[in-house]
Amino acid sequence: MSNHDHYDGPEFMSVPETARYLGIGRKMVYSLLETGQLAFARERGAIRILTASVVDFQAGGRLT
């Protein structure tokens, strides 16, 4: 469980889940990953985005 802004979901999100959560397209998610604005790990080749970084990013109001 995470204490970030009351998000009680899984520790990691996929790219499509992150896009839906933030209300943006997948290309924008990849851009945020490339620029280091979202933390992620690779698991068997799949990108797993740290949910806490997504929640913190959204709370920071950095989406334009």
N, C-alpha and C. Protein backbone atom coordinates (compact mmCIF):
# COMPACT_ATOMS: atom_id res chain seq x y z
N MET A 1 0.83 -1.20 0.00
CA MET A 1 0.00 0.00 0.00
C MET A 1 0.87 1.25 0.00
N SER A 2 0.41 2.24 -0.67
CA SER A 2 1.14 3.50 -0.77
C SER A 2 0.42 4.57 0.04
N ASN A 3 1.19 5.52 0.53
CA ASN A 3 0.57 6.64 1.24
C ASN A 3 0.56 7.90 0.38
N HIS A 4 0.84 7.75 -0.90
CA HIS A 4 0.87 8.90 -1.81
C HIS A 4 -0.54 9.29 -2.23
N ASP A 5 -1.00 10.41 -1.71
CA ASP A 5 -2.28 10.97 -2.11
C ASP A 5 -3.42 9.95 -2.09
N HIS A 6 -3.39 9.05 -1.13
CA HIS A 6 -4.46 8.08 -0.91
C HIS A 6 -4.66 7.10 -2.06
N TYR A 7 -3.65 6.87 -2.87
CA TYR A 7 -3.76 5.89 -3.94
C TYR A 7 -3.43 4.53 -3.37
N ASP A 8 -4.40 3.61 -3.44
CA ASP A 8 -4.23 2.29 -2.84
C ASP A 8 -4.10 1.19 -3.88
N GLY A 9 -3.71 1.54 -5.09
CA GLY A 9 -3.59 0.56 -6.16
C GLY A 9 -2.24 -0.14 -6.13
N PRO A 10 -1.92 -0.83 -7.21
CA PRO A 10 -0.66 -1.56 -7.29
C PRO A 10 0.55 -0.63 -7.29
N GLU A 11 1.72 -1.20 -6.99
CA GLU A 11 2.95 -0.41 -6.90
C GLU A 11 3.43 0.08 -8.26
N PHE A 12 3.10 -0.68 -9.32
CA PHE A 12 3.53 -0.30 -10.66
C PHE A 12 2.34 -0.24 -11.61
N MET A 13 2.48 0.58 -12.66
CA MET A 13 1.47 0.71 -13.70
C MET A 13 2.12 0.43 -15.06
N SER A 14 1.31 -0.01 -16.00
CA SER A 14 1.78 -0.16 -17.38
C SER A 14 1.68 1.20 -18.07
N VAL A 15 2.23 1.28 -19.26
CA VAL A 15 2.13 2.52 -20.04
C VAL A 15 0.67 2.87 -20.32
N PRO A 16 -0.17 1.91 -20.79
CA PRO A 16 -1.58 2.25 -21.02
C PRO A 16 -2.32 2.68 -19.75
N GLU A 17 -2.03 2.02 -18.64
CA GLU A 17 -2.68 2.41 -17.37
C GLU A 17 -2.27 3.81 -16.96
N THR A 18 -1.00 4.13 -17.13
CA THR A 18 -0.51 5.47 -16.80
C THR A 18 -1.16 6.52 -17.68
N ALA A 19 -1.27 6.22 -18.97
CA ALA A 19 -1.91 7.16 -19.90
C ALA A 19 -3.35 7.43 -19.49
N ARG A 20 -4.08 6.36 -19.15
CA ARG A 20 -5.47 6.53 -18.72
C ARG A 20 -5.55 7.32 -17.42
N TYR A 21 -4.70 7.01 -16.46
CA TYR A 21 -4.71 7.69 -15.16
C TYR A 21 -4.44 9.19 -15.31
N LEU A 22 -3.49 9.53 -16.18
CA LEU A 22 -3.14 10.94 -16.36
C LEU A 22 -3.99 11.64 -17.41
N GLY A 23 -4.75 10.86 -18.19
CA GLY A 23 -5.58 11.46 -19.23
C GLY A 23 -4.78 11.96 -20.41
N ILE A 24 -3.70 11.24 -20.73
CA ILE A 24 -2.84 11.63 -21.84
C ILE A 24 -2.63 10.42 -22.76
N GLY A 25 -1.99 10.63 -23.88
CA GLY A 25 -1.71 9.54 -24.81
C GLY A 25 -0.45 8.78 -24.43
N ARG A 26 -0.30 7.61 -25.02
CA ARG A 26 0.86 6.77 -24.73
C ARG A 26 2.16 7.45 -25.14
N LYS A 27 2.14 8.18 -26.26
CA LYS A 27 3.35 8.88 -26.72
C LYS A 27 3.84 9.87 -25.68
N MET A 28 2.90 10.54 -25.02
CA MET A 28 3.28 11.50 -23.98
C MET A 28 3.87 10.77 -22.77
N VAL A 29 3.34 9.59 -22.45
CA VAL A 29 3.90 8.81 -21.34
C VAL A 29 5.35 8.46 -21.66
N TYR A 30 5.61 7.98 -22.89
CA TYR A 30 6.98 7.65 -23.27
C TYR A 30 7.89 8.87 -23.19
N SER A 31 7.37 10.03 -23.56
CA SER A 31 8.14 11.26 -23.48
C SER A 31 8.49 11.58 -22.02
N LEU A 32 7.53 11.40 -21.12
CA LEU A 32 7.78 11.64 -19.70
C LEU A 32 8.81 10.66 -19.14
N LEU A 33 8.79 9.44 -19.63
CA LEU A 33 9.78 8.44 -19.21
C LEU A 33 11.17 8.84 -19.71
N GLU A 34 11.24 9.25 -20.96
CA GLU A 34 12.53 9.63 -21.57
C GLU A 34 13.17 10.82 -20.88
N THR A 35 12.35 11.75 -20.41
CA THR A 35 12.87 12.95 -19.77
C THR A 35 13.05 12.78 -18.27
N GLY A 36 12.75 11.58 -17.76
CA GLY A 36 12.98 11.29 -16.35
C GLY A 36 11.92 11.83 -15.41
N GLN A 37 10.79 12.24 -15.96
CA GLN A 37 9.74 12.79 -15.11
C GLN A 37 8.90 11.72 -14.42
N LEU A 38 8.99 10.48 -14.91
CA LEU A 38 8.33 9.34 -14.28
C LEU A 38 9.38 8.26 -14.06
N ALA A 39 9.34 7.63 -12.89
CA ALA A 39 10.29 6.55 -12.56
C ALA A 39 9.74 5.23 -13.07
N PHE A 40 10.63 4.41 -13.62
CA PHE A 40 10.18 3.12 -14.15
C PHE A 40 11.27 2.07 -14.04
N ALA A 41 10.86 0.84 -14.21
CA ALA A 41 11.78 -0.30 -14.25
C ALA A 41 11.33 -1.17 -15.41
N ARG A 42 12.24 -2.01 -15.88
CA ARG A 42 11.89 -2.97 -16.92
C ARG A 42 11.77 -4.34 -16.29
N GLU A 43 10.69 -5.02 -16.65
CA GLU A 43 10.46 -6.38 -16.15
C GLU A 43 10.21 -7.27 -17.35
N ARG A 44 11.18 -8.12 -17.67
CA ARG A 44 11.09 -9.00 -18.84
C ARG A 44 10.79 -8.21 -20.11
N GLY A 45 11.41 -7.06 -20.23
CA GLY A 45 11.24 -6.22 -21.41
C GLY A 45 10.08 -5.24 -21.34
N ALA A 46 9.17 -5.46 -20.39
CA ALA A 46 8.02 -4.56 -20.26
C ALA A 46 8.37 -3.38 -19.34
N ILE A 47 7.84 -2.23 -19.67
CA ILE A 47 8.05 -1.05 -18.84
C ILE A 47 7.03 -1.06 -17.72
N ARG A 48 7.51 -0.94 -16.49
CA ARG A 48 6.65 -0.84 -15.31
C ARG A 48 6.94 0.50 -14.66
N ILE A 49 5.92 1.36 -14.61
CA ILE A 49 6.08 2.71 -14.10
C ILE A 49 5.69 2.75 -12.64
N LEU A 50 6.55 3.32 -11.81
CA LEU A 50 6.29 3.41 -10.38
C LEU A 50 5.06 4.28 -10.14
N THR A 51 4.04 3.67 -9.57
CA THR A 51 2.77 4.37 -9.35
C THR A 51 2.96 5.64 -8.54
N ALA A 52 3.81 5.59 -7.52
CA ALA A 52 4.03 6.78 -6.69
C ALA A 52 4.53 7.94 -7.53
N SER A 53 5.36 7.67 -8.53
CA SER A 53 5.86 8.77 -9.37
C SER A 53 4.75 9.35 -10.24
N VAL A 54 3.80 8.50 -10.66
CA VAL A 54 2.67 8.98 -11.46
C VAL A 54 1.76 9.87 -10.61
N VAL A 55 1.45 9.40 -9.40
CA VAL A 55 0.59 10.17 -8.50
C VAL A 55 1.26 11.49 -8.12
N ASP A 56 2.56 11.43 -7.81
CA ASP A 56 3.29 12.65 -7.46
C ASP A 56 3.35 13.61 -8.64
N PHE A 57 3.56 13.08 -9.84
CA PHE A 57 3.61 13.91 -11.04
C PHE A 57 2.28 14.63 -11.24
N GLN A 58 1.19 13.90 -11.12
CA GLN A 58 -0.13 14.50 -11.30
C GLN A 58 -0.40 15.55 -10.21
N ALA A 59 -0.04 15.25 -8.99
CA ALA A 59 -0.28 16.18 -7.87
C ALA A 59 0.53 17.46 -8.04
N GLY A 60 1.70 17.34 -8.72
CA GLY A 60 2.54 18.52 -8.94
C GLY A 60 2.00 19.44 -10.01
N GLY A 61 0.95 18.99 -10.71
CA GLY A 61 0.34 19.82 -11.73
C GLY A 61 1.25 20.14 -12.88
N ARG A 62 2.14 19.21 -13.22
CA ARG A 62 3.12 19.49 -14.26
C ARG A 62 2.65 19.13 -15.65
N LEU A 63 1.44 18.62 -15.80
CA LEU A 63 0.92 18.33 -17.13
C LEU A 63 0.41 19.60 -17.76
N THR A 64 0.76 19.81 -19.02
CA THR A 64 0.28 21.02 -19.70
C THR A 64 -0.58 20.62 -20.87
